[in-house]
Each structure stands twice: as structure tokens, then as C-alpha cells.
Amino acid sequence: MSEGSEVTLDSVKERTGGRSARVRQSVLDAARAELLEGGYGSMSHASVARRAGVDRATVYRRWPSKARLAMDSLVGLADNSVAFPDRGPVESDLREMATSVAKLLETPSISHLFQALIAAQAEDPSLREVGAGFWKERLEIGAHIVTAAVDRGEIDPVEDPAHVLEVMISPLYFRALISCQEIDQAFIDDSVDRAVAMLAFPG
């Protein structure tokens, strides 16, 4: 595969189990460490490969783009830390997701990683494009909470389920990464209430 070939998140995730999974995890852990220590500008395929203890060609083959490598390191954390329940009722599911997002953002290393990537987007257009894809994907996954509630007959159909999630989590990220204020339970509850207010309940 050439360096210019696109490797998507899904294609990387297909290689699960055994040595392949261990290599992938070590590379993503190394990428996060590089971002936290020196920022996006100083991170490179070579530095990540050295830290992970793998050949540089292995990193290039799976992540031809530095932007994709940086963003995938963040995706791995989100996949393991953010809850997307669909048990119902919808308000309870949304509250569980919002609480898990807040807990993730309360971790200093995680918030620093987000801030490093946000700052890097100003200088790397490719990172902005990858970042847009990252958020689109996360919102579509979270939108399942809303569509599952529709399927249960709990709420009326929603024109843009992903926007409901966007309204809920945007204040959490703003408070954690921009205004740098504490996210307390009252703030989480208010964010959930704003999302629930967008939903229409039958009867």
C-alpha cells in the first residue's frame, strides 16, 4: 500500500486479535504520549514508531496520514470511555452518555489531548478534515440513543437525531476545553434537559 493510500478507521479496526491488535494499541498509546509531551507539531511517524517499539513502515502502512494517526488515538479513548446506552427511557440514556462524556473530560491528560488537537487544527487543514469526520462519526453513533427511543415508540420521529446529541454535549466540551470550568451535576442535568426539550413525546 502506498503512503498516499487512505486507511480508514474501519479498515484498521478490522485487524483485531493477536499481535496485530497489540501493535495497534501500542502505536495509539505512543501517539497519545507524543501529543501530550510535544503537541501535534512535534509528533511524527518516526517518533511514534520509536516510542511504540515498532518499525516506522508499520505505522506508515496503517496510518499514512499523521492527522489520521492523531485522531485515531483520540477515537480509541472515546470508544472505551463514552457510553451509548439504548435501554430507555431516553432521558436516562442521554444522562448516562452525558455523564460519561463529562467524566472523560475531567481527566487532565484527556482534556490536554483534546486541546492539543484543537490547537493543531489551525495549522493543518488535513487535521481539520479528519476532525470533522471524527465528530460526524461520534454524533451518528450517539444518535442511536434517539433513534432507538423512536423505535420503541417512546418519542415521535426526529428529523435530525445527531443534532440532539450535539446540543447536549457541546456545552460539556466548551466548559472543559474553552472556558475551563468545572462540569458539575447541575450543568450535566441542564445539558440533558436541553436535549430532551427537543424531543416530542406521544400523547
C-alpha atoms as a PDB file:
ATOM      1  CA  MET A   1       0.000   0.000   0.000  1.00  0.00           C
ATOM      2  CA  SER A   2       1.445   3.382  -0.941  1.00  0.00           C
ATOM      3  CA  GLU A   3       1.880   6.233   1.540  1.00  0.00           C
ATOM      4  CA  GLY A   4      -0.864   8.147  -0.220  1.00  0.00           C
ATOM      5  CA  SER A   5      -3.433   5.384   0.121  1.00  0.00           C
ATOM      6  CA  GLU A   6      -6.242   6.123   2.522  1.00  0.00           C
ATOM      7  CA  VAL A   7      -6.554   3.907   5.570  1.00  0.00           C
ATOM      8  CA  THR A   8      -9.873   4.428   7.273  1.00  0.00           C
ATOM      9  CA  LEU A   9     -10.671   3.847  10.909  1.00  0.00           C
ATOM     10  CA  ASP A  10     -12.849   0.887   9.983  1.00  0.00           C
ATOM     11  CA  SER A  11     -10.120  -0.808   7.973  1.00  0.00           C
ATOM     12  CA  VAL A  12      -7.706  -0.525  10.866  1.00  0.00           C
ATOM     13  CA  LYS A  13     -10.254  -1.862  13.324  1.00  0.00           C
ATOM     14  CA  GLU A  14     -10.835  -4.935  11.195  1.00  0.00           C
ATOM     15  CA  ARG A  15      -7.475  -6.322  12.260  1.00  0.00           C
ATOM     16  CA  THR A  16      -8.457  -7.493  15.710  1.00  0.00           C
ATOM     17  CA  GLY A  17      -6.847 -10.023  17.993  1.00  0.00           C
ATOM     18  CA  GLY A  18      -3.311 -11.295  18.417  1.00  0.00           C
ATOM     19  CA  ARG A  19      -0.188  -9.366  17.559  1.00  0.00           C
ATOM     20  CA  SER A  20      -1.993  -7.018  15.184  1.00  0.00           C
ATOM     21  CA  ALA A  21      -4.238  -5.735  17.960  1.00  0.00           C
ATOM     22  CA  ARG A  22      -1.283  -5.338  20.323  1.00  0.00           C
ATOM     23  CA  VAL A  23       0.699  -3.386  17.744  1.00  0.00           C
ATOM     24  CA  ARG A  24      -2.255  -1.124  17.018  1.00  0.00           C
ATOM     25  CA  GLN A  25      -2.761  -0.407  20.713  1.00  0.00           C
ATOM     26  CA  SER A  26       0.927   0.292  21.336  1.00  0.00           C
ATOM     27  CA  VAL A  27       1.050   2.717  18.391  1.00  0.00           C
ATOM     28  CA  LEU A  28      -2.060   4.601  19.524  1.00  0.00           C
ATOM     29  CA  ASP A  29      -0.738   4.777  23.106  1.00  0.00           C
ATOM     30  CA  ALA A  30       2.549   6.127  21.757  1.00  0.00           C
ATOM     31  CA  ALA A  31       0.760   8.702  19.615  1.00  0.00           C
ATOM     32  CA  ARG A  32      -1.181   9.964  22.627  1.00  0.00           C
ATOM     33  CA  ALA A  33       2.029  10.232  24.643  1.00  0.00           C
ATOM     34  CA  GLU A  34       3.749  12.168  21.847  1.00  0.00           C
ATOM     35  CA  LEU A  35       0.819  14.573  21.570  1.00  0.00           C
ATOM     36  CA  LEU A  36       0.755  15.187  25.303  1.00  0.00           C
ATOM     37  CA  GLU A  37       4.508  15.748  25.553  1.00  0.00           C
ATOM     38  CA  GLY A  38       5.256  17.832  22.488  1.00  0.00           C
ATOM     39  CA  GLY A  39       1.998  18.642  20.766  1.00  0.00           C
ATOM     40  CA  TYR A  40       0.871  17.845  17.255  1.00  0.00           C
ATOM     41  CA  GLY A  41       3.671  19.775  15.578  1.00  0.00           C
ATOM     42  CA  SER A  42       6.440  17.649  17.079  1.00  0.00           C
ATOM     43  CA  MET A  43       4.681  14.325  16.611  1.00  0.00           C
ATOM     44  CA  SER A  44       5.864  12.244  13.659  1.00  0.00           C
ATOM     45  CA  HIS A  45       5.528   8.717  12.368  1.00  0.00           C
ATOM     46  CA  ALA A  46       9.157   8.136  13.329  1.00  0.00           C
ATOM     47  CA  SER A  47       8.769   9.378  16.917  1.00  0.00           C
ATOM     48  CA  VAL A  48       5.622   7.333  17.412  1.00  0.00           C
ATOM     49  CA  ALA A  49       7.293   4.224  15.977  1.00  0.00           C
ATOM     50  CA  ARG A  50      10.301   4.636  18.306  1.00  0.00           C
ATOM     51  CA  ARG A  51       8.100   5.014  21.354  1.00  0.00           C
ATOM     52  CA  ALA A  52       5.892   2.077  20.370  1.00  0.00           C
ATOM     53  CA  GLY A  53       8.886  -0.133  19.575  1.00  0.00           C
ATOM     54  CA  VAL A  54       7.755  -0.924  16.036  1.00  0.00           C
ATOM     55  CA  ASP A  55       9.128  -0.297  12.578  1.00  0.00           C
ATOM     56  CA  ARG A  56       8.257   3.079  11.078  1.00  0.00           C
ATOM     57  CA  ALA A  57       6.909   1.337   7.981  1.00  0.00           C
ATOM     58  CA  THR A  58       4.323  -0.394  10.171  1.00  0.00           C
ATOM     59  CA  VAL A  59       2.980   2.971  11.325  1.00  0.00           C
ATOM     60  CA  TYR A  60       3.003   4.420   7.795  1.00  0.00           C
ATOM     61  CA  ARG A  61       1.224   1.377   6.401  1.00  0.00           C
ATOM     62  CA  ARG A  62      -1.677   1.628   8.810  1.00  0.00           C
ATOM     63  CA  TRP A  63      -1.758   5.418   9.217  1.00  0.00           C
ATOM     64  CA  PRO A  64      -0.361   7.152   6.099  1.00  0.00           C
ATOM     65  CA  SER A  65      -1.689  10.457   7.431  1.00  0.00           C
ATOM     66  CA  LYS A  66      -0.350  12.000  10.639  1.00  0.00           C
ATOM     67  CA  ALA A  67      -3.735  13.642  11.115  1.00  0.00           C
ATOM     68  CA  ARG A  68      -5.462  10.243  10.954  1.00  0.00           C
ATOM     69  CA  LEU A  69      -2.995   8.804  13.466  1.00  0.00           C
ATOM     70  CA  ALA A  70      -3.579  11.677  15.878  1.00  0.00           C
ATOM     71  CA  MET A  71      -7.347  11.473  15.599  1.00  0.00           C
ATOM     72  CA  ASP A  72      -7.466   7.672  15.871  1.00  0.00           C
ATOM     73  CA  SER A  73      -5.548   7.910  19.126  1.00  0.00           C
ATOM     74  CA  LEU A  74      -8.408  10.020  20.421  1.00  0.00           C
ATOM     75  CA  VAL A  75     -11.088   7.749  18.963  1.00  0.00           C
ATOM     76  CA  GLY A  76      -9.708   4.832  20.950  1.00  0.00           C
ATOM     77  CA  LEU A  77     -10.200   6.712  24.196  1.00  0.00           C
ATOM     78  CA  ALA A  78     -13.722   7.768  23.279  1.00  0.00           C
ATOM     79  CA  ASP A  79     -14.683   4.230  22.265  1.00  0.00           C
ATOM     80  CA  ASN A  80     -13.656   2.895  25.657  1.00  0.00           C
ATOM     81  CA  SER A  81     -14.970   5.720  27.809  1.00  0.00           C
ATOM     82  CA  VAL A  82     -18.232   7.102  26.400  1.00  0.00           C
ATOM     83  CA  ALA A  83     -21.482   5.213  26.981  1.00  0.00           C
ATOM     84  CA  PHE A  84     -24.131   4.925  24.262  1.00  0.00           C
ATOM     85  CA  PRO A  85     -26.979   3.082  26.034  1.00  0.00           C
ATOM     86  CA  ASP A  86     -30.337   2.418  24.396  1.00  0.00           C
ATOM     87  CA  ARG A  87     -32.252   0.704  27.193  1.00  0.00           C
ATOM     88  CA  GLY A  88     -34.649   3.554  27.807  1.00  0.00           C
ATOM     89  CA  PRO A  89     -36.158   5.763  28.887  1.00  0.00           C
ATOM     90  CA  VAL A  90     -34.440   8.150  26.519  1.00  0.00           C
ATOM     91  CA  GLU A  91     -33.753  10.781  29.194  1.00  0.00           C
ATOM     92  CA  SER A  92     -31.950   8.194  31.293  1.00  0.00           C
ATOM     93  CA  ASP A  93     -29.878   7.062  28.310  1.00  0.00           C
ATOM     94  CA  LEU A  94     -28.938  10.634  27.431  1.00  0.00           C
ATOM     95  CA  ARG A  95     -27.982  11.355  31.033  1.00  0.00           C
ATOM     96  CA  GLU A  96     -25.743   8.279  31.146  1.00  0.00           C
ATOM     97  CA  MET A  97     -23.989   9.343  27.961  1.00  0.00           C
ATOM     98  CA  ALA A  98     -23.550  12.943  29.128  1.00  0.00           C
ATOM     99  CA  THR A  99     -22.167  11.763  32.465  1.00  0.00           C
ATOM    100  CA  SER A 100     -19.622   9.526  30.735  1.00  0.00           C
ATOM    101  CA  VAL A 101     -18.532  12.395  28.463  1.00  0.00           C
ATOM    102  CA  ALA A 102     -18.097  14.672  31.485  1.00  0.00           C
ATOM    103  CA  LYS A 103     -16.058  12.024  33.286  1.00  0.00           C
ATOM    104  CA  LEU A 104     -13.811  11.613  30.241  1.00  0.00           C
ATOM    105  CA  LEU A 105     -13.230  15.354  30.000  1.00  0.00           C
ATOM    106  CA  GLU A 106     -12.434  15.612  33.708  1.00  0.00           C
ATOM    107  CA  THR A 107      -9.284  13.550  33.138  1.00  0.00           C
ATOM    108  CA  PRO A 108      -6.437  16.105  32.763  1.00  0.00           C
ATOM    109  CA  SER A 109      -4.494  14.101  30.189  1.00  0.00           C
ATOM    110  CA  ILE A 110      -7.609  13.704  28.059  1.00  0.00           C
ATOM    111  CA  SER A 111      -8.527  17.388  28.123  1.00  0.00           C
ATOM    112  CA  HIS A 112      -4.908  18.275  27.286  1.00  0.00           C
ATOM    113  CA  LEU A 113      -5.027  15.886  24.343  1.00  0.00           C
ATOM    114  CA  PHE A 114      -8.224  17.463  23.025  1.00  0.00           C
ATOM    115  CA  GLN A 115      -6.718  20.932  23.445  1.00  0.00           C
ATOM    116  CA  ALA A 116      -3.551  19.924  21.591  1.00  0.00           C
ATOM    117  CA  LEU A 117      -5.567  18.665  18.647  1.00  0.00           C
ATOM    118  CA  ILE A 118      -7.812  21.722  18.604  1.00  0.00           C
ATOM    119  CA  ALA A 119      -4.759  23.987  18.513  1.00  0.00           C
ATOM    120  CA  ALA A 120      -3.184  21.899  15.748  1.00  0.00           C
ATOM    121  CA  GLN A 121      -6.248  22.269  13.513  1.00  0.00           C
ATOM    122  CA  ALA A 122      -5.328  25.915  12.957  1.00  0.00           C
ATOM    123  CA  GLU A 123      -2.132  24.899  11.131  1.00  0.00           C
ATOM    124  CA  ASP A 124      -3.054  21.605   9.491  1.00  0.00           C
ATOM    125  CA  PRO A 125      -6.045  21.594   7.101  1.00  0.00           C
ATOM    126  CA  SER A 126      -5.916  17.800   6.866  1.00  0.00           C
ATOM    127  CA  LEU A 127      -6.432  17.564  10.614  1.00  0.00           C
ATOM    128  CA  ARG A 128      -9.498  19.772  10.344  1.00  0.00           C
ATOM    129  CA  GLU A 129     -10.952  17.435   7.730  1.00  0.00           C
ATOM    130  CA  VAL A 130     -10.221  14.357   9.820  1.00  0.00           C
ATOM    131  CA  GLY A 131     -11.594  16.113  12.893  1.00  0.00           C
ATOM    132  CA  ALA A 132     -14.834  16.887  11.101  1.00  0.00           C
ATOM    133  CA  GLY A 133     -15.147  13.220  10.202  1.00  0.00           C
ATOM    134  CA  PHE A 134     -14.427  12.222  13.788  1.00  0.00           C
ATOM    135  CA  TRP A 135     -17.206  14.387  15.211  1.00  0.00           C
ATOM    136  CA  LYS A 136     -19.648  13.351  12.498  1.00  0.00           C
ATOM    137  CA  GLU A 137     -18.997   9.714  13.336  1.00  0.00           C
ATOM    138  CA  ARG A 138     -19.315  10.239  17.099  1.00  0.00           C
ATOM    139  CA  LEU A 139     -22.605  12.109  16.724  1.00  0.00           C
ATOM    140  CA  GLU A 140     -24.019   9.449  14.416  1.00  0.00           C
ATOM    141  CA  ILE A 141     -23.136   6.747  16.954  1.00  0.00           C
ATOM    142  CA  GLY A 142     -24.753   8.740  19.741  1.00  0.00           C
ATOM    143  CA  ALA A 143     -27.815   9.404  17.625  1.00  0.00           C
ATOM    144  CA  HIS A 144     -28.705   5.737  18.076  1.00  0.00           C
ATOM    145  CA  ILE A 145     -29.935   6.676  21.552  1.00  0.00           C
ATOM    146  CA  VAL A 146     -32.587   8.858  19.922  1.00  0.00           C
ATOM    147  CA  THR A 147     -33.481   6.527  17.051  1.00  0.00           C
ATOM    148  CA  ALA A 148     -33.822   3.609  19.479  1.00  0.00           C
ATOM    149  CA  ALA A 149     -36.306   5.660  21.501  1.00  0.00           C
ATOM    150  CA  VAL A 150     -38.252   6.321  18.296  1.00  0.00           C
ATOM    151  CA  ASP A 151     -38.255   2.602  17.510  1.00  0.00           C
ATOM    152  CA  ARG A 152     -39.609   1.865  20.993  1.00  0.00           C
ATOM    153  CA  GLY A 153     -42.452   4.323  20.375  1.00  0.00           C
ATOM    154  CA  GLU A 154     -41.246   6.426  23.286  1.00  0.00           C
ATOM    155  CA  ILE A 155     -40.831   9.586  21.216  1.00  0.00           C
ATOM    156  CA  ASP A 156     -42.019  10.852  17.842  1.00  0.00           C
ATOM    157  CA  PRO A 157     -39.665  10.609  14.843  1.00  0.00           C
ATOM    158  CA  VAL A 158     -36.811  13.141  14.930  1.00  0.00           C
ATOM    159  CA  GLU A 159     -35.645  14.905  11.786  1.00  0.00           C
ATOM    160  CA  ASP A 160     -32.005  15.183  12.881  1.00  0.00           C
ATOM    161  CA  PRO A 161     -31.186  12.829  15.790  1.00  0.00           C
ATOM    162  CA  ALA A 162     -27.469  13.696  15.661  1.00  0.00           C
ATOM    163  CA  HIS A 163     -28.270  17.359  16.319  1.00  0.00           C
ATOM    164  CA  VAL A 164     -29.998  16.385  19.564  1.00  0.00           C
ATOM    165  CA  LEU A 165     -26.718  14.856  20.731  1.00  0.00           C
ATOM    166  CA  GLU A 166     -24.783  17.886  19.515  1.00  0.00           C
ATOM    167  CA  VAL A 167     -26.960  20.206  21.588  1.00  0.00           C
ATOM    168  CA  MET A 168     -26.357  18.038  24.651  1.00  0.00           C
ATOM    169  CA  ILE A 169     -22.602  17.511  24.511  1.00  0.00           C
ATOM    170  CA  SER A 170     -21.424  20.837  23.042  1.00  0.00           C
ATOM    171  CA  PRO A 171     -21.751  22.715  26.357  1.00  0.00           C
ATOM    172  CA  LEU A 172     -19.750  19.976  28.105  1.00  0.00           C
ATOM    173  CA  TYR A 173     -16.853  20.256  25.671  1.00  0.00           C
ATOM    174  CA  PHE A 174     -16.977  24.058  25.728  1.00  0.00           C
ATOM    175  CA  ARG A 175     -16.802  24.156  29.502  1.00  0.00           C
ATOM    176  CA  ALA A 176     -13.991  21.603  29.692  1.00  0.00           C
ATOM    177  CA  LEU A 177     -11.831  22.830  26.799  1.00  0.00           C
ATOM    178  CA  ILE A 178     -12.623  26.525  26.262  1.00  0.00           C
ATOM    179  CA  SER A 179     -13.847  28.164  29.457  1.00  0.00           C
ATOM    180  CA  CYS A 180     -12.034  25.582  31.634  1.00  0.00           C
ATOM    181  CA  GLN A 181     -14.736  25.433  34.274  1.00  0.00           C
ATOM    182  CA  GLU A 182     -15.879  22.509  36.363  1.00  0.00           C
ATOM    183  CA  ILE A 183     -18.632  20.322  34.929  1.00  0.00           C
ATOM    184  CA  ASP A 184     -20.872  19.661  37.905  1.00  0.00           C
ATOM    185  CA  GLN A 185     -24.015  17.554  38.052  1.00  0.00           C
ATOM    186  CA  ALA A 186     -26.291  20.581  37.702  1.00  0.00           C
ATOM    187  CA  PHE A 187     -24.556  21.501  34.441  1.00  0.00           C
ATOM    188  CA  ILE A 188     -24.874  17.941  33.138  1.00  0.00           C
ATOM    189  CA  ASP A 189     -28.566  17.908  34.046  1.00  0.00           C
ATOM    190  CA  ASP A 190     -29.131  21.233  32.285  1.00  0.00           C
ATOM    191  CA  SER A 191     -27.407  19.954  29.122  1.00  0.00           C
ATOM    192  CA  VAL A 192     -29.566  16.823  29.135  1.00  0.00           C
ATOM    193  CA  ASP A 193     -32.727  18.855  29.729  1.00  0.00           C
ATOM    194  CA  ARG A 194     -31.955  20.993  26.667  1.00  0.00           C
ATOM    195  CA  ALA A 195     -31.663  17.881  24.524  1.00  0.00           C
ATOM    196  CA  VAL A 196     -34.829  16.307  25.942  1.00  0.00           C
ATOM    197  CA  ALA A 197     -36.740  19.550  25.258  1.00  0.00           C
ATOM    198  CA  MET A 198     -36.083  18.979  21.537  1.00  0.00           C
ATOM    199  CA  LEU A 199     -37.968  15.673  21.615  1.00  0.00           C
ATOM    200  CA  ALA A 200     -41.713  15.203  21.191  1.00  0.00           C
ATOM    201  CA  PHE A 201     -43.402  12.600  23.356  1.00  0.00           C
ATOM    202  CA  PRO A 202     -46.638  10.980  22.105  1.00  0.00           C
ATOM    203  CA  GLY A 203     -49.835  11.828  23.937  1.00  0.00           C
END
